[in-house]
C-alpha atoms as a PDB file:
ATOM      1  CA  ASP A   1     -21.390  23.326  -6.503  1.00  0.00           C
ATOM      2  CA  GLU A   2     -19.094  26.297  -6.072  1.00  0.00           C
ATOM      3  CA  ALA A   3     -15.419  26.486  -5.315  1.00  0.00           C
ATOM      4  CA  HIS A   4     -14.430  27.422  -1.788  1.00  0.00           C
ATOM      5  CA  PHE A   5     -11.338  29.634  -1.651  1.00  0.00           C
ATOM      6  CA  MET A   6      -9.100  28.611   1.247  1.00  0.00           C
ATOM      7  CA  GLY A   7      -6.463  31.303   0.827  1.00  0.00           C
ATOM      8  CA  ALA A   8      -2.867  31.291  -0.258  1.00  0.00           C
ATOM      9  CA  LEU A   9      -0.250  28.629   0.329  1.00  0.00           C
ATOM     10  CA  ILE A  10       3.295  29.952   0.433  1.00  0.00           C
ATOM     11  CA  LEU A  11       5.752  27.188  -0.421  1.00  0.00           C
ATOM     12  CA  ASP A  12       9.480  26.712  -0.791  1.00  0.00           C
ATOM     13  CA  GLN A  13      10.317  23.937  -3.270  1.00  0.00           C
ATOM     14  CA  ARG A  14      13.034  21.677  -1.914  1.00  0.00           C
ATOM     15  CA  PRO A  15      15.538  19.833  -4.098  1.00  0.00           C
ATOM     16  CA  SER A  16      14.421  16.322  -5.023  1.00  0.00           C
ATOM     17  CA  ALA A  17      15.588  13.502  -7.281  1.00  0.00           C
ATOM     18  CA  PRO A  18      14.330  13.591 -10.891  1.00  0.00           C
ATOM     19  CA  ALA A  19      12.058  10.534 -10.473  1.00  0.00           C
ATOM     20  CA  SER A  20      10.767  11.667  -7.070  1.00  0.00           C
ATOM     21  CA  PRO A  21       7.722  13.844  -6.457  1.00  0.00           C
ATOM     22  CA  ASN A  22       8.277  17.524  -5.786  1.00  0.00           C
ATOM     23  CA  ILE A  23       8.794  18.289  -2.111  1.00  0.00           C
ATOM     24  CA  TYR A  24       7.646  21.604  -0.675  1.00  0.00           C
ATOM     25  CA  GLU A  25       8.251  23.191   2.672  1.00  0.00           C
ATOM     26  CA  VAL A  26       5.122  25.052   3.675  1.00  0.00           C
ATOM     27  CA  ILE A  27       5.833  28.563   4.872  1.00  0.00           C
ATOM     28  CA  ASP A  28       2.165  29.523   5.266  1.00  0.00           C
ATOM     29  CA  GLY A  29      -0.886  27.263   5.027  1.00  0.00           C
ATOM     30  CA  GLN A  30       0.105  24.342   7.270  1.00  0.00           C
ATOM     31  CA  GLN A  31      -3.183  24.323   9.168  1.00  0.00           C
ATOM     32  CA  ARG A  32      -5.301  24.326   6.002  1.00  0.00           C
ATOM     33  CA  LEU A  33      -3.274  21.537   4.412  1.00  0.00           C
ATOM     34  CA  THR A  34      -3.266  19.487   7.610  1.00  0.00           C
ATOM     35  CA  THR A  35      -7.014  19.869   8.076  1.00  0.00           C
ATOM     36  CA  THR A  36      -7.651  18.818   4.479  1.00  0.00           C
ATOM     37  CA  TYR A  37      -5.320  15.840   4.900  1.00  0.00           C
ATOM     38  CA  LEU A  38      -7.048  14.833   8.146  1.00  0.00           C
ATOM     39  CA  MET A  39     -10.436  15.053   6.396  1.00  0.00           C
ATOM     40  CA  LEU A  40      -9.144  12.592   3.796  1.00  0.00           C
ATOM     41  CA  CYS A  41      -7.956  10.319   6.632  1.00  0.00           C
ATOM     42  CA  ALA A  42     -11.394  10.556   8.279  1.00  0.00           C
ATOM     43  CA  ILE A  43     -13.089   9.699   4.983  1.00  0.00           C
ATOM     44  CA  VAL A  44     -10.869   6.629   4.663  1.00  0.00           C
ATOM     45  CA  ARG A  45     -11.648   5.630   8.246  1.00  0.00           C
ATOM     46  CA  SER A  46     -15.401   5.964   7.723  1.00  0.00           C
ATOM     47  CA  LEU A  47     -15.257   3.555   4.755  1.00  0.00           C
ATOM     48  CA  GLN A  48     -12.911   0.928   6.155  1.00  0.00           C
ATOM     49  CA  LYS A  49     -15.483  -1.394   7.727  1.00  0.00           C
ATOM     50  CA  ASP A  50     -18.038  -1.639   4.916  1.00  0.00           C
ATOM     51  CA  HIS A  51     -15.984  -0.567   1.873  1.00  0.00           C
ATOM     52  CA  PRO A  52     -12.359  -1.622   2.494  1.00  0.00           C
ATOM     53  CA  VAL A  53     -11.328  -1.641  -1.165  1.00  0.00           C
ATOM     54  CA  GLU A  54     -12.589   1.929  -1.712  1.00  0.00           C
ATOM     55  CA  ALA A  55     -11.000   3.053   1.569  1.00  0.00           C
ATOM     56  CA  ALA A  56      -7.666   1.588   0.462  1.00  0.00           C
ATOM     57  CA  ARG A  57      -7.944   3.206  -2.978  1.00  0.00           C
ATOM     58  CA  ILE A  58      -8.456   6.646  -1.430  1.00  0.00           C
ATOM     59  CA  ALA A  59      -5.713   6.124   1.158  1.00  0.00           C
ATOM     60  CA  LEU A  60      -3.179   4.915  -1.380  1.00  0.00           C
ATOM     61  CA  GLN A  61      -3.969   7.792  -3.723  1.00  0.00           C
ATOM     62  CA  TYR A  62      -4.218  10.710  -1.288  1.00  0.00           C
ATOM     63  CA  VAL A  63      -2.971   9.800   2.197  1.00  0.00           C
ATOM     64  CA  PHE A  64       0.116   7.673   1.575  1.00  0.00           C
ATOM     65  CA  LEU A  65       3.033   8.101  -0.772  1.00  0.00           C
ATOM     66  CA  ARG A  66       4.607   4.965  -2.207  1.00  0.00           C
ATOM     67  CA  GLU A  67       8.351   4.857  -1.809  1.00  0.00           C
ATOM     68  CA  GLY A  68       9.803   1.978  -3.760  1.00  0.00           C
ATOM     69  CA  ALA A  69       7.814  -1.185  -4.266  1.00  0.00           C
ATOM     70  CA  ASN A  70       6.983  -2.054  -0.664  1.00  0.00           C
ATOM     71  CA  VAL A  71       7.027   1.087   1.505  1.00  0.00           C
ATOM     72  CA  LEU A  72       4.304   3.644   2.162  1.00  0.00           C
ATOM     73  CA  LYS A  73       4.910   6.960   3.906  1.00  0.00           C
ATOM     74  CA  SER A  74       2.717   9.857   4.882  1.00  0.00           C
ATOM     75  CA  ARG A  75       2.182  12.412   2.110  1.00  0.00           C
ATOM     76  CA  LEU A  76       2.131  15.087   4.814  1.00  0.00           C
ATOM     77  CA  ILE A  77       4.987  15.675   7.232  1.00  0.00           C
ATOM     78  CA  PRO A  78       3.844  18.112   9.897  1.00  0.00           C
ATOM     79  CA  SER A  79       6.075  20.004  12.302  1.00  0.00           C
ATOM     80  CA  LEU A  80       8.078  17.833  14.682  1.00  0.00           C
ATOM     81  CA  PRO A  81       5.736  18.294  17.681  1.00  0.00           C
ATOM     82  CA  ASP A  82       2.784  17.008  15.587  1.00  0.00           C
ATOM     83  CA  GLN A  83       4.489  14.016  13.955  1.00  0.00           C
ATOM     84  CA  GLY A  84       3.736  11.587  16.783  1.00  0.00           C
ATOM     85  CA  ASP A  85       0.063  12.536  16.673  1.00  0.00           C
ATOM     86  CA  LEU A  86      -0.063  12.024  12.915  1.00  0.00           C
ATOM     87  CA  ASN A  87       1.577   8.619  13.416  1.00  0.00           C
ATOM     88  CA  MET A  88      -1.326   7.737  15.734  1.00  0.00           C
ATOM     89  CA  VAL A  89      -3.856   8.720  13.049  1.00  0.00           C
ATOM     90  CA  LEU A  90      -2.068   6.767  10.335  1.00  0.00           C
ATOM     91  CA  ASP A  91      -1.616   3.773  12.651  1.00  0.00           C
ATOM     92  CA  GLU A  92      -5.368   3.747  13.209  1.00  0.00           C
ATOM     93  CA  LEU A  93      -5.991   3.659   9.458  1.00  0.00           C
ATOM     94  CA  TRP A  94      -3.313   1.041   8.917  1.00  0.00           C
ATOM     95  CA  ASN A  95      -4.416  -1.243  11.744  1.00  0.00           C
ATOM     96  CA  SER A  96      -8.110  -0.955  10.872  1.00  0.00           C
ATOM     97  CA  GLY A  97      -7.728  -2.975   7.715  1.00  0.00           C
ATOM     98  CA  LEU A  98      -5.538  -0.984   5.382  1.00  0.00           C
ATOM     99  CA  GLN A  99      -2.553  -3.289   5.896  1.00  0.00           C
ATOM    100  CA  THR A 100      -4.699  -6.151   4.560  1.00  0.00           C
ATOM    101  CA  GLN A 101      -5.556  -4.196   1.418  1.00  0.00           C
ATOM    102  CA  ALA A 102      -1.958  -3.014   0.931  1.00  0.00           C
ATOM    103  CA  ASN A 103      -0.784  -6.515  -0.056  1.00  0.00           C
ATOM    104  CA  GLY A 104       2.503  -6.856   1.794  1.00  0.00           C
ATOM    105  CA  THR A 105       3.428  -3.185   1.673  1.00  0.00           C
ATOM    106  CA  GLN A 106       4.885  -1.763   4.885  1.00  0.00           C
ATOM    107  CA  PHE A 107       3.930   1.555   6.456  1.00  0.00           C
ATOM    108  CA  GLU A 108       6.926   3.589   7.598  1.00  0.00           C
ATOM    109  CA  LYS A 109       6.073   5.949  10.439  1.00  0.00           C
ATOM    110  CA  LEU A 110       7.355   9.480  10.733  1.00  0.00           C
ATOM    111  CA  PRO A 111      10.646   9.550  12.656  1.00  0.00           C
ATOM    112  CA  THR A 112       9.443  10.584  16.091  1.00  0.00           C
ATOM    113  CA  GLN A 113       8.623   8.842  19.310  1.00  0.00           C
ATOM    114  CA  SER A 114       6.759  11.630  21.089  1.00  0.00           C
ATOM    115  CA  VAL A 115       2.968  11.845  21.090  1.00  0.00           C
ATOM    116  CA  ASN A 116       1.330  15.057  22.215  1.00  0.00           C
ATOM    117  CA  GLU A 117      -2.291  13.995  21.766  1.00  0.00           C
ATOM    118  CA  GLY A 118      -2.859  17.560  20.730  1.00  0.00           C
ATOM    119  CA  ARG A 119      -4.281  19.363  17.743  1.00  0.00           C
ATOM    120  CA  ILE A 120      -3.854  16.585  15.182  1.00  0.00           C
ATOM    121  CA  ASP A 121      -5.473  13.947  17.382  1.00  0.00           C
ATOM    122  CA  LYS A 122      -8.332  16.225  18.462  1.00  0.00           C
ATOM    123  CA  ASN A 123      -9.061  17.468  14.951  1.00  0.00           C
ATOM    124  CA  PHE A 124      -8.967  13.944  13.538  1.00  0.00           C
ATOM    125  CA  SER A 125     -11.443  12.813  16.204  1.00  0.00           C
ATOM    126  CA  LEU A 126     -13.819  15.656  15.276  1.00  0.00           C
ATOM    127  CA  LEU A 127     -13.509  14.992  11.550  1.00  0.00           C
ATOM    128  CA  LYS A 128     -13.920  11.251  12.079  1.00  0.00           C
ATOM    129  CA  ALA A 129     -17.148  11.824  14.048  1.00  0.00           C
ATOM    130  CA  TYR A 130     -18.377  14.159  11.293  1.00  0.00           C
ATOM    131  CA  THR A 131     -17.635  11.716   8.451  1.00  0.00           C
ATOM    132  CA  GLN A 132     -19.073   8.762  10.368  1.00  0.00           C
ATOM    133  CA  ALA A 133     -22.302  10.740  10.948  1.00  0.00           C
ATOM    134  CA  LYS A 134     -22.410  11.579   7.230  1.00  0.00           C
ATOM    135  CA  TYR A 135     -21.893   7.907   6.383  1.00  0.00           C
ATOM    136  CA  LYS A 136     -24.589   6.784   8.817  1.00  0.00           C
ATOM    137  CA  ALA A 137     -27.062   9.308   7.374  1.00  0.00           C
ATOM    138  CA  GLY A 138     -26.306   8.891   3.672  1.00  0.00           C
ATOM    139  CA  GLY A 139     -24.073   5.887   3.114  1.00  0.00           C
ATOM    140  CA  ILE A 140     -21.257   5.772   0.620  1.00  0.00           C
ATOM    141  CA  GLU A 141     -23.014   8.342  -1.585  1.00  0.00           C
ATOM    142  CA  ALA A 142     -22.661  10.940   1.189  1.00  0.00           C
ATOM    143  CA  ILE A 143     -18.989  10.080   1.635  1.00  0.00           C
ATOM    144  CA  ASN A 144     -18.379  10.267  -2.115  1.00  0.00           C
ATOM    145  CA  ALA A 145     -19.999  13.712  -2.166  1.00  0.00           C
ATOM    146  CA  LEU A 146     -17.795  14.791   0.729  1.00  0.00           C
ATOM    147  CA  LEU A 147     -14.709  13.412  -1.011  1.00  0.00           C
ATOM    148  CA  ALA A 148     -15.644  15.245  -4.205  1.00  0.00           C
ATOM    149  CA  ALA A 149     -16.069  18.479  -2.233  1.00  0.00           C
ATOM    150  CA  VAL A 150     -12.613  18.090  -0.671  1.00  0.00           C
ATOM    151  CA  LEU A 151     -10.898  17.166  -3.929  1.00  0.00           C
ATOM    152  CA  GLN A 152     -12.747  19.386  -6.377  1.00  0.00           C
ATOM    153  CA  SER A 153     -14.258  22.354  -4.559  1.00  0.00           C
ATOM    154  CA  LEU A 154     -11.437  23.581  -2.336  1.00  0.00           C
ATOM    155  CA  THR A 155      -9.144  26.024  -4.094  1.00  0.00           C
ATOM    156  CA  VAL A 156      -5.970  27.797  -3.064  1.00  0.00           C
ATOM    157  CA  VAL A 157      -3.472  30.141  -4.610  1.00  0.00           C
ATOM    158  CA  GLN A 158      -0.073  28.509  -4.576  1.00  0.00           C
ATOM    159  CA  ILE A 159       2.910  30.828  -4.277  1.00  0.00           C
ATOM    160  CA  VAL A 160       6.303  29.154  -4.630  1.00  0.00           C
ATOM    161  CA  VAL A 161       9.135  31.397  -3.469  1.00  0.00           C
ATOM    162  CA  LYS A 162      12.702  31.229  -4.736  1.00  0.00           C
ATOM    163  CA  ASP A 163      14.064  32.596  -1.475  1.00  0.00           C
ATOM    164  CA  PRO A 164      12.408  31.134   1.647  1.00  0.00           C
ATOM    165  CA  THR A 165      13.238  34.280   3.622  1.00  0.00           C
ATOM    166  CA  SER A 166      10.745  36.157   1.431  1.00  0.00           C
ATOM    167  CA  GLY A 167       7.923  33.887   2.666  1.00  0.00           C
ATOM    168  CA  PRO A 168       7.232  35.868   5.856  1.00  0.00           C
ATOM    169  CA  LYS A 169       7.190  39.126   3.867  1.00  0.00           C
ATOM    170  CA  ILE A 170       4.598  37.691   1.485  1.00  0.00           C
ATOM    171  CA  PHE A 171       2.626  36.307   4.444  1.00  0.00           C
ATOM    172  CA  ASP A 172       2.634  39.716   6.137  1.00  0.00           C
ATOM    173  CA  SER A 173       1.514  41.512   2.986  1.00  0.00           C
ATOM    174  CA  LEU A 174      -1.301  39.002   2.350  1.00  0.00           C
ATOM    175  CA  ASN A 175      -2.536  39.185   5.925  1.00  0.00           C
ATOM    176  CA  SER A 176      -2.062  42.877   6.719  1.00  0.00           C
ATOM    177  CA  LYS A 177      -5.128  45.033   7.073  1.00  0.00           C
ATOM    178  CA  GLN A 178      -5.748  47.317   4.139  1.00  0.00           C
ATOM    179  CA  ASP A 179      -6.035  51.022   4.824  1.00  0.00           C
ATOM    180  CA  ARG A 180      -9.460  52.309   3.808  1.00  0.00           C
ATOM    181  CA  LYS A 181      -9.220  55.797   2.347  1.00  0.00           C
END
């Protein structure tokens, strides 16, 4: 029922075309954003077997970004070492029925060939087990409550810097210990 404050995100807005969505480079907050994104992926995965239309709706709204009429891309582009792992997660969603619901749309993977099977893969596996247990215990109502918590109860402070070199200074000041006098 209450908002959960997840901290500050420090972003650098990148130039983009007028009709394109804003693109931000994350200076601080990558782990929080990635975990939230992976939770959305796990929610989609937990619904794919019994509720494919709802799973596709969530995926197409929050996980994938439509580029043109027939191409979907990841809304999140992690650091280069993690891109192969994220491709594995998105492949799992895509090949578990999403491609059927996407009506001829193609999924374009992130441009990497390496797979680390590291943090992204491990965290997705944990979140997938968590959401599947929630689904087993409470059905789609439990998943809808979880989705609502992710989308409506998590809050952040967004700081967009004009000069990306100021990002680390802001990060340091937000995370430094305060002197108690």
